[in-house]
Protein backbone atom coordinates (compact mmCIF):
# COMPACT_ATOMS: atom_id res chain seq x y z
CA MET A 1 15.95 13.06 18.21
CA LEU A 2 17.16 16.56 17.46
CA PHE A 3 13.86 18.27 16.76
CA ARG A 4 11.52 16.39 19.10
CA THR A 5 8.84 18.54 20.73
CA ARG A 6 9.17 19.26 24.42
CA GLU A 7 5.63 18.11 25.20
CA LYS A 8 4.83 14.48 24.55
CA PRO A 9 1.90 14.24 22.08
CA ASP A 10 -1.27 12.64 23.40
CA ILE A 11 -2.85 9.50 21.96
CA TRP A 12 -5.21 11.42 19.64
CA THR A 13 -2.38 13.46 18.12
CA ARG A 14 -0.34 10.31 17.51
CA LEU A 15 -3.35 8.57 15.98
CA ARG A 16 -4.06 11.55 13.71
CA THR A 17 -0.39 11.66 12.62
CA ALA A 18 -0.49 7.92 11.84
CA MET A 19 -3.62 8.39 9.72
CA TRP A 20 -2.53 11.64 8.09
CA PRO A 21 1.16 12.60 8.40
CA ARG A 22 1.91 16.21 9.29
CA SER A 23 4.13 16.63 6.26
CA SER A 24 1.54 15.14 3.81
CA TRP A 25 1.45 11.68 2.28
CA GLN A 26 3.47 12.78 -0.77
CA ARG A 27 6.42 13.83 1.38
CA SER A 28 6.17 10.66 3.46
CA ILE A 29 6.19 8.52 0.29
CA GLN A 30 9.24 10.43 -1.02
CA TYR A 31 11.04 9.84 2.27
CA PHE A 32 10.15 6.13 2.17
CA ARG A 33 11.36 5.85 -1.46
CA LYS A 34 14.69 7.49 -0.63
CA ARG A 35 15.18 5.28 2.41
CA VAL A 36 14.66 2.13 0.29
CA LEU A 37 16.90 3.31 -2.56
CA ARG A 38 19.76 4.22 -0.20
CA LEU A 39 19.84 0.88 1.61
CA ALA A 40 23.20 -0.87 1.55
CA GLY A 41 23.21 -4.17 -0.28
CA SER A 42 22.69 -5.59 -3.72
CA PRO A 43 19.50 -4.65 -5.61
CA HIS A 44 18.34 -8.28 -5.29
CA SER A 45 18.83 -8.32 -1.50
CA VAL A 46 17.06 -4.98 -0.99
CA ALA A 47 14.18 -5.90 -3.31
CA LEU A 48 13.83 -9.33 -1.70
CA GLY A 49 13.62 -7.76 1.76
CA VAL A 50 10.95 -5.26 0.66
CA ALA A 51 9.01 -7.98 -1.16
CA ILE A 52 9.01 -10.16 1.98
CA GLY A 53 7.73 -7.24 4.07
CA VAL A 54 5.00 -6.41 1.56
CA GLY A 55 3.93 -10.05 1.20
CA ILE A 56 3.76 -10.69 4.95
CA SER A 57 1.86 -7.45 5.55
CA CYS A 58 -1.04 -8.99 3.59
CA THR A 59 -1.56 -11.66 6.26
CA PRO A 60 -4.07 -11.25 9.11
CA LEU A 61 -1.31 -11.66 11.72
CA TYR A 62 -1.69 -8.06 12.85
CA GLY A 63 1.00 -6.86 15.23
CA PHE A 64 3.50 -9.52 14.10
CA HIS A 65 4.18 -8.34 10.53
CA THR A 66 7.57 -6.77 11.28
CA LEU A 67 8.82 -9.69 13.42
CA LEU A 68 7.77 -12.26 10.81
CA ALA A 69 9.26 -10.22 7.94
CA LEU A 70 12.59 -9.90 9.78
CA ALA A 71 12.67 -13.64 10.55
CA VAL A 72 11.89 -14.67 6.94
CA ALA A 73 14.33 -12.11 5.49
CA PHE A 74 17.06 -13.38 7.82
CA LEU A 75 16.41 -16.99 6.78
CA ILE A 76 16.42 -16.41 3.01
CA GLY A 77 18.99 -13.61 2.78
CA GLY A 78 16.81 -10.55 2.22
CA ASN A 79 17.74 -7.09 3.48
CA LEU A 80 16.43 -6.78 7.07
CA ILE A 81 15.79 -3.04 6.95
CA GLY A 82 14.07 -3.47 3.58
CA ALA A 83 11.83 -6.15 5.11
CA ALA A 84 10.87 -3.86 7.99
CA LEU A 85 10.19 -0.99 5.58
CA GLY A 86 8.11 -3.30 3.36
CA THR A 87 5.63 -3.92 6.18
CA VAL A 88 4.64 -0.24 5.93
CA PHE A 89 2.54 -1.43 2.95
CA PHE A 90 -0.06 -2.34 5.59
CA ASN A 91 -1.01 1.05 7.01
CA PRO A 92 -4.24 2.74 8.12
CA LEU A 93 -5.09 3.72 4.53
CA THR A 94 -4.42 0.37 2.85
CA ALA A 95 -5.47 -1.97 5.71
CA PRO A 96 -9.21 -2.10 4.87
CA PHE A 97 -8.52 -2.83 1.18
CA ILE A 98 -5.86 -5.48 1.88
CA THR A 99 -8.04 -7.23 4.47
CA ALA A 100 -11.14 -7.14 2.24
CA ALA A 101 -9.20 -8.45 -0.78
CA ALA A 102 -7.62 -11.28 1.26
CA PHE A 103 -11.02 -12.22 2.73
CA ARG A 104 -12.71 -12.29 -0.69
CA LEU A 105 -9.90 -14.36 -2.20
CA GLY A 106 -10.05 -16.80 0.70
CA ARG A 107 -13.80 -17.12 0.37
CA MET A 108 -13.41 -17.84 -3.37
CA ILE A 109 -10.79 -20.53 -2.61
CA ILE A 110 -12.30 -22.35 0.40
CA GLY A 111 -15.85 -20.96 0.66
CA GLY A 112 -17.50 -20.26 3.99
CA PRO A 113 -19.55 -17.47 5.56
CA THR A 114 -19.62 -14.08 3.86
CA HIS A 115 -19.21 -12.07 7.06
CA PHE A 116 -18.00 -12.21 10.65
CA ARG A 117 -20.54 -14.15 12.72
CA SER A 118 -20.91 -14.80 16.41
CA GLY A 119 -22.08 -18.40 16.58
CA GLY A 120 -25.33 -19.63 18.09
CA ASP A 121 -24.62 -22.84 19.99
CA VAL A 122 -21.43 -21.79 21.77
CA PRO A 123 -20.56 -21.33 25.44
CA ALA A 124 -21.97 -18.25 27.10
CA ASN A 125 -18.67 -16.49 27.77
CA LEU A 126 -17.71 -13.65 25.43
CA ALA A 127 -14.18 -14.86 24.60
CA ALA A 128 -15.44 -18.21 23.33
CA LYS A 129 -18.11 -16.48 21.23
CA LEU A 130 -15.54 -14.15 19.68
CA ILE A 131 -13.12 -16.98 18.88
CA HIS A 132 -15.92 -19.12 17.46
CA GLY A 133 -17.15 -16.25 15.30
CA ALA A 134 -13.71 -14.99 14.22
CA TRP A 135 -12.17 -18.34 13.26
CA PRO A 136 -13.95 -18.76 9.86
CA TRP A 137 -13.11 -15.14 8.99
CA PHE A 138 -9.48 -15.59 10.05
CA LYS A 139 -9.16 -18.85 8.11
CA GLN A 140 -10.56 -17.32 4.91
CA THR A 141 -8.40 -14.20 5.25
CA ALA A 142 -5.26 -16.25 5.97
CA VAL A 143 -5.83 -18.48 2.92
CA GLY A 144 -6.62 -15.47 0.71
CA SER A 145 -3.56 -13.60 1.95
CA ILE A 146 -1.23 -16.22 0.43
CA PRO A 147 -1.95 -15.48 -3.28
CA LEU A 148 -2.47 -11.78 -2.50
CA GLY A 149 0.86 -11.57 -0.66
CA LEU A 150 2.67 -13.42 -3.45
CA ILE A 151 1.26 -11.08 -6.11
CA CYS A 152 2.02 -7.92 -4.12
CA GLY A 153 5.47 -9.24 -3.18
CA VAL A 154 6.41 -10.04 -6.80
CA VAL A 155 5.22 -6.61 -7.97
CA ALA A 156 7.17 -4.93 -5.15
CA TYR A 157 10.28 -6.99 -5.99
CA ILE A 158 10.19 -6.00 -9.67
CA ILE A 159 9.67 -2.29 -8.91
CA VAL A 160 12.34 -2.14 -6.19
CA VAL A 161 14.98 -4.18 -8.03
CA MET A 162 14.64 -1.98 -11.13
CA ALA A 163 14.64 1.28 -9.14
CA THR A 164 17.55 0.22 -6.90
CA SER A 165 19.65 -1.00 -9.84
CA ALA A 166 19.12 2.31 -11.67
CA PHE A 167 19.86 4.35 -8.53
CA GLN A 168 23.02 2.42 -7.65
CA SER A 169 24.43 2.59 -11.19
CA MET A 170 23.66 6.33 -11.32
CA ARG A 171 25.40 6.80 -7.96
CA ARG A 172 28.45 4.82 -9.17
CA GLU A 173 28.68 7.03 -12.28
CA ARG A 174 28.34 10.16 -10.15
CA LEU A 175 31.11 9.01 -7.79
CA ALA A 176 33.39 8.11 -10.72
CA GLU A 177 32.78 11.55 -12.27
CA ARG A 178 33.56 13.25 -8.95
CA ARG A 179 36.74 11.20 -8.64
CA ARG A 180 37.82 12.26 -12.15
CA GLN A 181 37.15 15.91 -11.31
CA ASN A 182 39.17 15.63 -8.09
CA GLU A 183 42.08 14.09 -9.97
CA LEU A 184 42.02 16.94 -12.52
CA ALA A 185 41.82 19.54 -9.77
CA VAL A 186 44.98 18.27 -7.99
CA PRO A 187 47.87 20.54 -9.13
CA ARG A 188 50.68 18.63 -10.77
CA PRO A 189 54.19 19.35 -9.49
CA ARG A 190 56.16 21.64 -11.80
CA PRO A 191 59.32 20.16 -13.28
CA GLN A 192 62.40 21.49 -11.50
CA PRO A 193 64.89 23.31 -13.73
CA ALA A 194 68.07 21.35 -14.29
CA GLU A 195 71.02 22.65 -12.26
CA HIS A 196 74.15 23.48 -14.24
CA ALA A 197 77.45 22.55 -12.73
């Protein structure tokens, strides 16, 4: 990068920047919006890619959101960069709300415990206790993430397809206007006077 600092930031600085960007959330959102609008591809392809990324980011498969979004977008013809950008929907600010909403939806659909529990009659080792206690939570969150991801994905698709269509048509008009101005600015050759014999 051109403007990278000479000293590598430590883990705490990187964590703070992930939680609260240096240039404020408003500027980061503007940058994200411009990146999505300027993606190459049809409005449907871009919006489909973003919708896939947003929908998959609602699942409890933490750490695999981007890989899954890219794979699904590749299979169904969504924009790959849009899919990767869509997974930004799951970030440190939204993660608690997305996870809580998916868990509650899953509990409404399939029932089960209301909180993470470490079971009683399980083997003594810690890993087995964690897996035994986390499985009901994971199952509820995974089931709840399906309707939540579909709703968020559809909303994201509608917003992005409308915004991208408007942006691309505006850009086409701007380019056509610039082309017309360039054609008017080109000097026309003057007619040569007729030579008399």
